[in-house]
C-alpha atoms as a PDB file:
ATOM      1  CA  MET A   1     -77.886 -83.597 -70.422  1.00  0.00           C
ATOM      2  CA  LEU A   2     -74.420 -84.976 -71.074  1.00  0.00           C
ATOM      3  CA  GLY A   3     -72.672 -85.208 -74.405  1.00  0.00           C
ATOM      4  CA  ALA A   4     -69.447 -86.872 -75.353  1.00  0.00           C
ATOM      5  CA  ALA A   5     -66.672 -87.228 -72.785  1.00  0.00           C
ATOM      6  CA  GLY A   6     -68.852 -85.996 -69.935  1.00  0.00           C
ATOM      7  CA  SER A   7     -69.314 -82.507 -71.373  1.00  0.00           C
ATOM      8  CA  LEU A   8     -72.698 -80.853 -71.222  1.00  0.00           C
ATOM      9  CA  THR A   9     -75.274 -80.738 -73.958  1.00  0.00           C
ATOM     10  CA  LEU A  10     -77.527 -77.748 -73.377  1.00  0.00           C
ATOM     11  CA  VAL A  11     -81.198 -78.272 -72.516  1.00  0.00           C
ATOM     12  CA  ALA A  12     -84.243 -76.077 -72.893  1.00  0.00           C
ATOM     13  CA  MET A  13     -84.718 -73.626 -70.025  1.00  0.00           C
ATOM     14  CA  ASN A  14     -88.336 -74.687 -69.519  1.00  0.00           C
ATOM     15  CA  SER A  15     -87.405 -78.294 -68.670  1.00  0.00           C
ATOM     16  CA  VAL A  16     -87.698 -79.034 -64.963  1.00  0.00           C
ATOM     17  CA  PRO A  17     -85.142 -81.564 -63.763  1.00  0.00           C
ATOM     18  CA  GLY A  18     -85.878 -83.954 -60.936  1.00  0.00           C
ATOM     19  CA  TRP A  19     -83.393 -85.274 -58.412  1.00  0.00           C
ATOM     20  CA  ASN A  20     -80.875 -87.317 -60.383  1.00  0.00           C
ATOM     21  CA  PRO A  21     -77.465 -87.265 -58.700  1.00  0.00           C
ATOM     22  CA  ARG A  22     -75.898 -89.446 -61.415  1.00  0.00           C
ATOM     23  CA  VAL A  23     -76.302 -86.600 -63.913  1.00  0.00           C
ATOM     24  CA  LEU A  24     -74.717 -84.098 -61.529  1.00  0.00           C
ATOM     25  CA  LEU A  25     -71.830 -86.468 -60.873  1.00  0.00           C
ATOM     26  CA  GLN A  26     -71.002 -86.564 -64.578  1.00  0.00           C
ATOM     27  CA  SER A  27     -71.035 -82.782 -64.967  1.00  0.00           C
ATOM     28  CA  PRO A  28     -67.703 -80.935 -64.642  1.00  0.00           C
ATOM     29  CA  LEU A  29     -69.536 -77.849 -63.363  1.00  0.00           C
ATOM     30  CA  PHE A  30     -70.371 -79.710 -60.142  1.00  0.00           C
ATOM     31  CA  ALA A  31     -66.854 -81.061 -59.537  1.00  0.00           C
ATOM     32  CA  PRO A  32     -66.384 -79.230 -56.184  1.00  0.00           C
ATOM     33  CA  LEU A  33     -69.559 -80.909 -54.901  1.00  0.00           C
ATOM     34  CA  HIS A  34     -69.106 -84.390 -56.384  1.00  0.00           C
ATOM     35  CA  GLY A  35     -67.793 -85.934 -53.187  1.00  0.00           C
ATOM     36  CA  LEU A  36     -70.838 -84.673 -51.291  1.00  0.00           C
ATOM     37  CA  ILE A  37     -73.483 -85.450 -53.909  1.00  0.00           C
ATOM     38  CA  ALA A  38     -72.218 -89.041 -54.179  1.00  0.00           C
ATOM     39  CA  ARG A  39     -73.193 -89.635 -50.557  1.00  0.00           C
ATOM     40  CA  PHE A  40     -76.884 -88.920 -51.041  1.00  0.00           C
ATOM     41  CA  ASP A  41     -79.582 -91.487 -51.772  1.00  0.00           C
ATOM     42  CA  GLU A  42     -80.449 -91.557 -55.476  1.00  0.00           C
ATOM     43  CA  ASN A  43     -84.155 -91.989 -54.825  1.00  0.00           C
ATOM     44  CA  TYR A  44     -85.117 -88.825 -52.970  1.00  0.00           C
ATOM     45  CA  PHE A  45     -84.161 -85.169 -52.691  1.00  0.00           C
ATOM     46  CA  PRO A  46     -81.785 -84.584 -49.755  1.00  0.00           C
ATOM     47  CA  THR A  47     -83.438 -83.545 -46.501  1.00  0.00           C
ATOM     48  CA  LEU A  48     -82.254 -81.326 -43.656  1.00  0.00           C
ATOM     49  CA  ASP A  49     -81.401 -84.491 -41.745  1.00  0.00           C
ATOM     50  CA  ASP A  50     -79.232 -85.664 -44.643  1.00  0.00           C
ATOM     51  CA  LEU A  51     -77.392 -82.344 -44.702  1.00  0.00           C
ATOM     52  CA  ASN A  52     -76.846 -82.299 -40.955  1.00  0.00           C
ATOM     53  CA  GLU A  53     -75.591 -85.878 -41.118  1.00  0.00           C
ATOM     54  CA  LEU A  54     -72.920 -84.750 -43.588  1.00  0.00           C
ATOM     55  CA  VAL A  55     -71.965 -81.967 -41.164  1.00  0.00           C
ATOM     56  CA  ALA A  56     -71.615 -84.510 -38.357  1.00  0.00           C
ATOM     57  CA  GLN A  57     -69.405 -86.722 -40.528  1.00  0.00           C
ATOM     58  CA  LYS A  58     -66.871 -83.980 -41.284  1.00  0.00           C
ATOM     59  CA  GLU A  59     -63.453 -84.610 -39.762  1.00  0.00           C
ATOM     60  CA  ARG A  60     -63.326 -81.042 -38.509  1.00  0.00           C
ATOM     61  CA  GLN A  61     -66.317 -79.283 -37.024  1.00  0.00           C
ATOM     62  CA  ILE A  62     -67.803 -76.589 -39.247  1.00  0.00           C
ATOM     63  CA  VAL A  63     -68.282 -73.368 -37.302  1.00  0.00           C
ATOM     64  CA  VAL A  64     -69.218 -69.779 -38.022  1.00  0.00           C
ATOM     65  CA  GLU A  65     -66.836 -66.993 -36.982  1.00  0.00           C
ATOM     66  CA  SER A  66     -68.584 -66.612 -33.611  1.00  0.00           C
ATOM     67  CA  GLY A  67     -67.592 -70.224 -32.835  1.00  0.00           C
ATOM     68  CA  LYS A  68     -71.072 -71.725 -33.053  1.00  0.00           C
ATOM     69  CA  PRO A  69     -71.294 -75.052 -34.917  1.00  0.00           C
ATOM     70  CA  VAL A  70     -73.185 -74.968 -38.203  1.00  0.00           C
ATOM     71  CA  ARG A  71     -76.476 -76.791 -38.579  1.00  0.00           C
ATOM     72  CA  PHE A  72     -79.206 -76.519 -41.171  1.00  0.00           C
ATOM     73  CA  VAL A  73     -82.685 -75.574 -39.970  1.00  0.00           C
ATOM     74  CA  GLU A  74     -85.980 -74.710 -41.618  1.00  0.00           C
ATOM     75  CA  GLN A  75     -86.389 -71.138 -42.787  1.00  0.00           C
ATOM     76  CA  MET A  76     -88.287 -68.766 -40.523  1.00  0.00           C
ATOM     77  CA  HIS A  77     -91.000 -66.575 -42.003  1.00  0.00           C
ATOM     78  CA  GLY A  78     -92.706 -63.303 -41.249  1.00  0.00           C
ATOM     79  CA  SER A  79     -91.342 -60.084 -39.811  1.00  0.00           C
ATOM     80  CA  LEU A  80     -88.279 -61.177 -37.863  1.00  0.00           C
ATOM     81  CA  PRO A  81     -86.165 -59.340 -35.284  1.00  0.00           C
ATOM     82  CA  PHE A  82     -82.581 -58.606 -36.309  1.00  0.00           C
ATOM     83  CA  GLU A  83     -81.143 -61.628 -34.481  1.00  0.00           C
ATOM     84  CA  ALA A  84     -83.472 -64.019 -36.336  1.00  0.00           C
ATOM     85  CA  GLN A  85     -82.783 -62.693 -39.829  1.00  0.00           C
ATOM     86  CA  TYR A  86     -80.734 -64.903 -42.133  1.00  0.00           C
ATOM     87  CA  GLU A  87     -77.181 -63.539 -41.773  1.00  0.00           C
ATOM     88  CA  PRO A  88     -77.394 -62.505 -38.078  1.00  0.00           C
ATOM     89  CA  CYS A  89     -79.039 -65.814 -37.157  1.00  0.00           C
ATOM     90  CA  CYS A  90     -76.287 -67.700 -38.929  1.00  0.00           C
ATOM     91  CA  TYR A  91     -73.527 -65.691 -37.252  1.00  0.00           C
ATOM     92  CA  LEU A  92     -75.003 -65.697 -33.752  1.00  0.00           C
ATOM     93  CA  SER A  93     -76.323 -69.273 -33.572  1.00  0.00           C
ATOM     94  CA  GLY A  94     -74.725 -71.204 -36.437  1.00  0.00           C
ATOM     95  CA  GLU A  95     -78.187 -71.922 -37.826  1.00  0.00           C
ATOM     96  CA  VAL A  96     -78.318 -71.805 -41.639  1.00  0.00           C
ATOM     97  CA  GLN A  97     -81.960 -71.334 -42.600  1.00  0.00           C
ATOM     98  CA  THR A  98     -82.767 -73.786 -45.403  1.00  0.00           C
ATOM     99  CA  ARG A  99     -85.964 -74.443 -47.327  1.00  0.00           C
ATOM    100  CA  PRO A 100     -86.705 -78.151 -47.816  1.00  0.00           C
ATOM    101  CA  ASP A 101     -86.992 -79.551 -51.344  1.00  0.00           C
ATOM    102  CA  ASN A 102     -85.327 -76.453 -52.760  1.00  0.00           C
ATOM    103  CA  TRP A 103     -82.413 -76.602 -55.227  1.00  0.00           C
ATOM    104  CA  HIS A 104     -81.139 -73.120 -54.341  1.00  0.00           C
ATOM    105  CA  ASP A 105     -80.901 -73.832 -50.635  1.00  0.00           C
ATOM    106  CA  LEU A 106     -79.540 -77.343 -51.166  1.00  0.00           C
ATOM    107  CA  PHE A 107     -76.598 -75.913 -53.072  1.00  0.00           C
ATOM    108  CA  ASN A 108     -76.094 -73.231 -50.427  1.00  0.00           C
ATOM    109  CA  ALA A 109     -75.771 -76.003 -47.862  1.00  0.00           C
ATOM    110  CA  LEU A 110     -73.381 -77.999 -50.031  1.00  0.00           C
ATOM    111  CA  VAL A 111     -71.155 -74.964 -50.557  1.00  0.00           C
ATOM    112  CA  TRP A 112     -71.045 -74.574 -46.767  1.00  0.00           C
ATOM    113  CA  LEU A 113     -69.751 -78.145 -46.650  1.00  0.00           C
ATOM    114  CA  ALA A 114     -67.280 -77.715 -49.521  1.00  0.00           C
ATOM    115  CA  PHE A 115     -65.956 -74.253 -48.557  1.00  0.00           C
ATOM    116  CA  PRO A 116     -66.792 -73.885 -44.848  1.00  0.00           C
ATOM    117  CA  LYS A 117     -64.187 -71.277 -43.921  1.00  0.00           C
ATOM    118  CA  THR A 118     -65.054 -69.059 -46.873  1.00  0.00           C
ATOM    119  CA  LYS A 119     -68.773 -69.191 -46.148  1.00  0.00           C
ATOM    120  CA  ALA A 120     -68.090 -68.311 -42.513  1.00  0.00           C
ATOM    121  CA  ALA A 121     -65.934 -65.351 -43.590  1.00  0.00           C
ATOM    122  CA  ILE A 122     -68.620 -64.062 -45.962  1.00  0.00           C
ATOM    123  CA  ASN A 123     -71.277 -64.427 -43.270  1.00  0.00           C
ATOM    124  CA  ALA A 124     -69.113 -62.576 -40.751  1.00  0.00           C
ATOM    125  CA  ARG A 125     -68.655 -59.620 -43.104  1.00  0.00           C
ATOM    126  CA  HIS A 126     -72.391 -59.503 -43.780  1.00  0.00           C
ATOM    127  CA  TYR A 127     -73.083 -59.558 -40.052  1.00  0.00           C
ATOM    128  CA  ARG A 128     -70.648 -56.758 -39.269  1.00  0.00           C
ATOM    129  CA  ALA A 129     -71.955 -54.624 -42.122  1.00  0.00           C
ATOM    130  CA  LEU A 130     -75.552 -55.147 -40.981  1.00  0.00           C
ATOM    131  CA  SER A 131     -74.640 -54.441 -37.352  1.00  0.00           C
ATOM    132  CA  ASN A 132     -73.067 -51.150 -38.368  1.00  0.00           C
ATOM    133  CA  GLN A 133     -76.196 -50.144 -40.297  1.00  0.00           C
ATOM    134  CA  PRO A 134     -79.101 -51.711 -38.395  1.00  0.00           C
ATOM    135  CA  HIS A 135     -81.609 -49.246 -39.820  1.00  0.00           C
ATOM    136  CA  ALA A 136     -80.483 -49.342 -43.460  1.00  0.00           C
ATOM    137  CA  VAL A 137     -83.223 -49.011 -46.054  1.00  0.00           C
ATOM    138  CA  ALA A 138     -84.505 -52.425 -47.142  1.00  0.00           C
ATOM    139  CA  GLY A 139     -82.725 -53.552 -50.304  1.00  0.00           C
ATOM    140  CA  ALA A 140     -79.909 -51.003 -49.921  1.00  0.00           C
ATOM    141  CA  ARG A 141     -76.973 -53.297 -49.230  1.00  0.00           C
ATOM    142  CA  GLY A 142     -74.079 -50.979 -50.012  1.00  0.00           C
ATOM    143  CA  ASN A 143     -70.979 -51.769 -52.059  1.00  0.00           C
ATOM    144  CA  GLU A 144     -69.458 -54.274 -49.641  1.00  0.00           C
ATOM    145  CA  ARG A 145     -72.553 -56.421 -49.262  1.00  0.00           C
ATOM    146  CA  ASP A 146     -73.313 -56.135 -52.984  1.00  0.00           C
ATOM    147  CA  MET A 147     -69.948 -57.709 -53.769  1.00  0.00           C
ATOM    148  CA  LEU A 148     -70.329 -60.379 -51.090  1.00  0.00           C
ATOM    149  CA  THR A 149     -73.814 -61.269 -52.306  1.00  0.00           C
ATOM    150  CA  LEU A 150     -72.792 -61.379 -55.956  1.00  0.00           C
ATOM    151  CA  PHE A 151     -69.971 -63.821 -55.257  1.00  0.00           C
ATOM    152  CA  ASP A 152     -72.053 -65.883 -52.835  1.00  0.00           C
ATOM    153  CA  GLU A 153     -74.793 -66.276 -55.448  1.00  0.00           C
ATOM    154  CA  SER A 154     -72.880 -66.289 -58.742  1.00  0.00           C
ATOM    155  CA  GLY A 155     -69.195 -66.576 -57.926  1.00  0.00           C
ATOM    156  CA  VAL A 156     -66.651 -68.775 -59.650  1.00  0.00           C
ATOM    157  CA  LEU A 157     -63.062 -68.988 -58.477  1.00  0.00           C
ATOM    158  CA  VAL A 158     -60.645 -68.844 -61.404  1.00  0.00           C
ATOM    159  CA  VAL A 159     -57.104 -69.883 -60.536  1.00  0.00           C
ATOM    160  CA  HIS A 160     -54.143 -69.726 -62.875  1.00  0.00           C
ATOM    161  CA  ALA A 161     -50.435 -70.459 -63.025  1.00  0.00           C
ATOM    162  CA  GLU A 162     -49.838 -68.179 -65.997  1.00  0.00           C
ATOM    163  CA  ASP A 163     -50.447 -64.422 -65.840  1.00  0.00           C
ATOM    164  CA  GLU A 164     -50.968 -64.132 -69.584  1.00  0.00           C
ATOM    165  CA  LEU A 165     -53.994 -66.424 -69.402  1.00  0.00           C
ATOM    166  CA  ALA A 166     -55.464 -64.339 -66.591  1.00  0.00           C
ATOM    167  CA  GLU A 167     -54.976 -61.185 -68.636  1.00  0.00           C
ATOM    168  CA  LEU A 168     -56.833 -62.706 -71.602  1.00  0.00           C
ATOM    169  CA  LEU A 169     -59.723 -63.487 -69.276  1.00  0.00           C
ATOM    170  CA  ARG A 170     -59.756 -60.054 -67.669  1.00  0.00           C
ATOM    171  CA  THR A 171     -59.772 -58.390 -71.110  1.00  0.00           C
ATOM    172  CA  PHE A 172     -62.550 -60.605 -72.494  1.00  0.00           C
ATOM    173  CA  GLN A 173     -60.392 -62.271 -75.170  1.00  0.00           C
ATOM    174  CA  TRP A 174     -62.523 -65.382 -75.025  1.00  0.00           C
ATOM    175  CA  LYS A 175     -61.638 -67.078 -78.315  1.00  0.00           C
ATOM    176  CA  ASP A 176     -57.941 -66.457 -77.798  1.00  0.00           C
ATOM    177  CA  LEU A 177     -58.226 -67.896 -74.303  1.00  0.00           C
ATOM    178  CA  PHE A 178     -60.627 -70.800 -74.682  1.00  0.00           C
ATOM    179  CA  TRP A 179     -59.800 -71.851 -78.260  1.00  0.00           C
ATOM    180  CA  GLN A 180     -56.340 -70.664 -79.309  1.00  0.00           C
ATOM    181  CA  ARG A 181     -54.849 -71.386 -75.868  1.00  0.00           C
ATOM    182  CA  ARG A 182     -57.141 -74.327 -75.129  1.00  0.00           C
ATOM    183  CA  ASP A 183     -54.469 -76.840 -74.104  1.00  0.00           C
ATOM    184  CA  GLN A 184     -52.738 -74.317 -71.856  1.00  0.00           C
ATOM    185  CA  VAL A 185     -56.039 -73.421 -70.205  1.00  0.00           C
ATOM    186  CA  LYS A 186     -56.582 -77.102 -69.426  1.00  0.00           C
ATOM    187  CA  ALA A 187     -53.107 -77.343 -67.910  1.00  0.00           C
ATOM    188  CA  ASP A 188     -52.682 -73.997 -66.155  1.00  0.00           C
ATOM    189  CA  MET A 189     -56.170 -72.756 -65.230  1.00  0.00           C
ATOM    190  CA  GLY A 190     -58.938 -74.048 -63.022  1.00  0.00           C
ATOM    191  CA  PHE A 191     -62.566 -72.974 -62.720  1.00  0.00           C
ATOM    192  CA  TYR A 192     -64.423 -73.819 -59.494  1.00  0.00           C
ATOM    193  CA  LEU A 193     -68.063 -72.835 -59.044  1.00  0.00           C
ATOM    194  CA  PHE A 194     -68.838 -71.291 -55.660  1.00  0.00           C
ATOM    195  CA  GLY A 195     -72.132 -69.424 -55.984  1.00  0.00           C
ATOM    196  CA  HIS A 196     -75.114 -71.524 -54.978  1.00  0.00           C
ATOM    197  CA  GLY A 197     -77.354 -69.620 -57.402  1.00  0.00           C
ATOM    198  CA  LEU A 198     -74.896 -70.522 -60.139  1.00  0.00           C
ATOM    199  CA  TYR A 199     -75.064 -74.192 -59.181  1.00  0.00           C
ATOM    200  CA  GLU A 200     -78.840 -74.005 -59.426  1.00  0.00           C
ATOM    201  CA  LYS A 201     -78.511 -72.655 -62.977  1.00  0.00           C
ATOM    202  CA  ALA A 202     -76.013 -75.403 -63.805  1.00  0.00           C
ATOM    203  CA  VAL A 203     -78.722 -78.022 -63.251  1.00  0.00           C
ATOM    204  CA  ARG A 204     -80.153 -76.703 -66.542  1.00  0.00           C
ATOM    205  CA  PRO A 205     -77.150 -75.154 -68.323  1.00  0.00           C
ATOM    206  CA  TYR A 206     -77.919 -72.657 -71.080  1.00  0.00           C
ATOM    207  CA  VAL A 207     -76.009 -70.407 -73.449  1.00  0.00           C
ATOM    208  CA  GLY A 208     -75.721 -67.143 -71.562  1.00  0.00           C
ATOM    209  CA  MET A 209     -74.915 -68.718 -68.194  1.00  0.00           C
ATOM    210  CA  THR A 210     -72.209 -66.508 -66.717  1.00  0.00           C
ATOM    211  CA  GLY A 211     -70.290 -66.645 -63.472  1.00  0.00           C
ATOM    212  CA  GLN A 212     -68.687 -63.768 -61.610  1.00  0.00           C
ATOM    213  CA  GLY A 213     -65.030 -64.689 -61.483  1.00  0.00           C
ATOM    214  CA  LEU A 214     -62.564 -63.983 -58.707  1.00  0.00           C
ATOM    215  CA  VAL A 215     -59.176 -64.466 -60.394  1.00  0.00           C
ATOM    216  CA  MET A 216     -56.256 -65.644 -58.251  1.00  0.00           C
ATOM    217  CA  ALA A 217     -52.765 -66.973 -58.947  1.00  0.00           C
ATOM    218  CA  VAL A 218     -51.530 -70.392 -57.790  1.00  0.00           C
ATOM    219  CA  GLY A 219     -48.373 -72.404 -58.371  1.00  0.00           C
ATOM    220  CA  ARG A 220     -48.312 -75.052 -61.109  1.00  0.00           C
ATOM    221  CA  GLU A 221     -48.038 -77.805 -58.513  1.00  0.00           C
ATOM    222  CA  PHE A 222     -51.584 -76.936 -57.427  1.00  0.00           C
ATOM    223  CA  PHE A 223     -52.979 -78.661 -60.510  1.00  0.00           C
ATOM    224  CA  THR A 224     -51.245 -81.947 -59.681  1.00  0.00           C
ATOM    225  CA  ARG A 225     -52.983 -82.313 -56.321  1.00  0.00           C
ATOM    226  CA  PRO A 226     -56.068 -84.472 -55.688  1.00  0.00           C
ATOM    227  CA  LEU A 227     -59.364 -82.563 -55.840  1.00  0.00           C
ATOM    228  CA  VAL A 228     -59.975 -82.776 -52.101  1.00  0.00           C
ATOM    229  CA  GLU A 229     -56.606 -81.113 -51.429  1.00  0.00           C
ATOM    230  CA  ARG A 230     -57.233 -78.446 -54.041  1.00  0.00           C
ATOM    231  CA  LEU A 231     -60.596 -77.579 -52.496  1.00  0.00           C
ATOM    232  CA  SER A 232     -59.093 -77.282 -49.014  1.00  0.00           C
ATOM    233  CA  TYR A 233     -56.362 -75.003 -50.351  1.00  0.00           C
ATOM    234  CA  LEU A 234     -58.890 -72.864 -52.224  1.00  0.00           C
ATOM    235  CA  ASP A 235     -61.047 -72.577 -49.113  1.00  0.00           C
ATOM    236  CA  GLY A 236     -58.077 -71.053 -47.308  1.00  0.00           C
ATOM    237  CA  LEU A 237     -57.199 -68.811 -50.245  1.00  0.00           C
ATOM    238  CA  LEU A 238     -60.738 -67.461 -50.471  1.00  0.00           C
ATOM    239  CA  THR A 239     -61.009 -67.030 -46.714  1.00  0.00           C
ATOM    240  CA  ASP A 240     -57.890 -64.871 -46.652  1.00  0.00           C
ATOM    241  CA  TYR A 241     -59.346 -62.763 -49.450  1.00  0.00           C
ATOM    242  CA  PHE A 242     -62.692 -62.197 -47.760  1.00  0.00           C
ATOM    243  CA  LEU A 243     -61.180 -61.473 -44.352  1.00  0.00           C
ATOM    244  CA  ALA A 244     -58.832 -58.804 -45.736  1.00  0.00           C
ATOM    245  CA  PRO A 245     -60.511 -55.457 -44.955  1.00  0.00           C
ATOM    246  CA  GLY A 246     -59.296 -53.837 -48.186  1.00  0.00           C
ATOM    247  CA  ASN A 247     -61.187 -56.341 -50.338  1.00  0.00           C
ATOM    248  CA  CYS A 248     -64.895 -56.612 -51.160  1.00  0.00           C
ATOM    249  CA  ARG A 249     -65.316 -52.915 -51.883  1.00  0.00           C
ATOM    250  CA  SER A 250     -66.769 -53.209 -55.367  1.00  0.00           C
ATOM    251  CA  THR A 251     -68.387 -55.778 -57.643  1.00  0.00           C
ATOM    252  CA  ARG A 252     -65.668 -54.728 -60.134  1.00  0.00           C
ATOM    253  CA  GLU A 253     -63.368 -57.070 -58.243  1.00  0.00           C
ATOM    254  CA  LEU A 254     -65.198 -59.824 -60.122  1.00  0.00           C
ATOM    255  CA  VAL A 255     -64.872 -60.592 -63.834  1.00  0.00           C
ATOM    256  CA  PRO A 256     -67.774 -62.012 -65.908  1.00  0.00           C
ATOM    257  CA  VAL A 257     -66.928 -65.547 -67.090  1.00  0.00           C
ATOM    258  CA  PRO A 258     -69.022 -67.292 -69.814  1.00  0.00           C
ATOM    259  CA  LEU A 259     -68.854 -70.688 -68.169  1.00  0.00           C
ATOM    260  CA  LEU A 260     -69.926 -72.826 -71.096  1.00  0.00           C
ATOM    261  CA  GLY A 261     -66.851 -71.607 -72.933  1.00  0.00           C
ATOM    262  CA  VAL A 262     -64.533 -73.408 -70.508  1.00  0.00           C
ATOM    263  CA  PRO A 263     -62.964 -76.262 -72.501  1.00  0.00           C
ATOM    264  CA  GLY A 264     -64.882 -79.473 -71.855  1.00  0.00           C
ATOM    265  CA  TRP A 265     -67.804 -77.799 -70.101  1.00  0.00           C
ATOM    266  CA  ALA A 266     -70.152 -77.982 -73.112  1.00  0.00           C
ATOM    267  CA  ALA A 267     -70.079 -80.431 -76.001  1.00  0.00           C
ATOM    268  CA  GLU A 268     -70.718 -77.549 -78.387  1.00  0.00           C
ATOM    269  CA  ASN A 269     -67.486 -75.735 -77.507  1.00  0.00           C
ATOM    270  CA  ASN A 270     -65.402 -78.317 -79.359  1.00  0.00           C
ATOM    271  CA  ASP A 271     -66.063 -76.199 -82.476  1.00  0.00           C
ATOM    272  CA  SER A 272     -64.179 -72.900 -82.866  1.00  0.00           C
ATOM    273  CA  ALA A 273     -67.321 -71.268 -84.324  1.00  0.00           C
ATOM    274  CA  TYR A 274     -68.964 -71.628 -80.918  1.00  0.00           C
ATOM    275  CA  TYR A 275     -66.839 -68.739 -79.670  1.00  0.00           C
ATOM    276  CA  ASP A 276     -68.046 -66.409 -82.436  1.00  0.00           C
ATOM    277  CA  ASN A 277     -71.327 -65.847 -80.583  1.00  0.00           C
ATOM    278  CA  ILE A 278     -70.647 -62.289 -79.398  1.00  0.00           C
ATOM    279  CA  ARG A 279     -73.951 -62.140 -77.520  1.00  0.00           C
ATOM    280  CA  TYR A 280     -72.468 -64.711 -75.135  1.00  0.00           C
ATOM    281  CA  PHE A 281     -68.739 -64.060 -75.501  1.00  0.00           C
ATOM    282  CA  ARG A 282     -68.917 -60.306 -75.039  1.00  0.00           C
ATOM    283  CA  LYS A 283     -65.931 -58.043 -75.542  1.00  0.00           C
ATOM    284  CA  THR A 284     -66.877 -55.760 -72.651  1.00  0.00           C
ATOM    285  CA  ARG A 285     -68.853 -55.944 -69.433  1.00  0.00           C
ATOM    286  CA  ARG A 286     -72.591 -55.862 -69.916  1.00  0.00           C
ATOM    287  CA  GLY A 287     -73.696 -52.261 -70.275  1.00  0.00           C
ATOM    288  CA  ALA A 288     -70.195 -51.011 -71.091  1.00  0.00           C
ATOM    289  CA  THR A 289     -68.992 -49.704 -74.424  1.00  0.00           C
ATOM    290  CA  ALA A 290     -65.737 -50.497 -76.137  1.00  0.00           C
ATOM    291  CA  GLY A 291     -63.215 -47.693 -75.839  1.00  0.00           C
END
């Protein structure tokens, strides 16, 4: 639910939201997807045909790294040969397996539309890793695919024009960052959800919701650009990161980000006491101890 000035008021985790695009369009968490969500019918959950129509309307064709055009198809079931499994199928045919009437898969499709080059780069790295280990034990992804999966599911791109702000984030100085430096964060930082699992959680935001942040520097002029230009720039920035062979070697490349602490992303964070909740605004990574 939305509170004052479009910020989010938290809802109980056991509430089950229906399709209501107007609510999503008011939420700052969904900003990268607003232009896409606005094109859907308000009266029914988007279908595969709706998603493929958006693909067809793109000015530039969306393709995977192999050159095949992307299209959304129903998920296959059962014991599948390598070529029909999710990542190989996507890479080899451009087919993105998608369950109908499913929030998780809807957001996966929308991220493909919002960040097409990045999604293609992530898919290509998955495919190459799987091809190099065709007989890997089920569930044993390895460090590279662990990092790729974590960002694909829970990633948030954090961009900044001030190194000191980035350092506060990396060192978990949440109150200093989000409260003491609040105005500077609004001016010189940007938070863009990428992970489709994270978008699914954002439908019902809750204290504890945390993204896995990839922190990158941009020039100050970035923040003056229209959203559509910013998203295109970020798609290129992320693509370069995921195509660089020295990256994606550890999940430690990502920094936990308590998303409802971002100024304006929850009505409750207009009070400084909100940031005193150390169970949410942790001083170390989960499972780590302070040195």
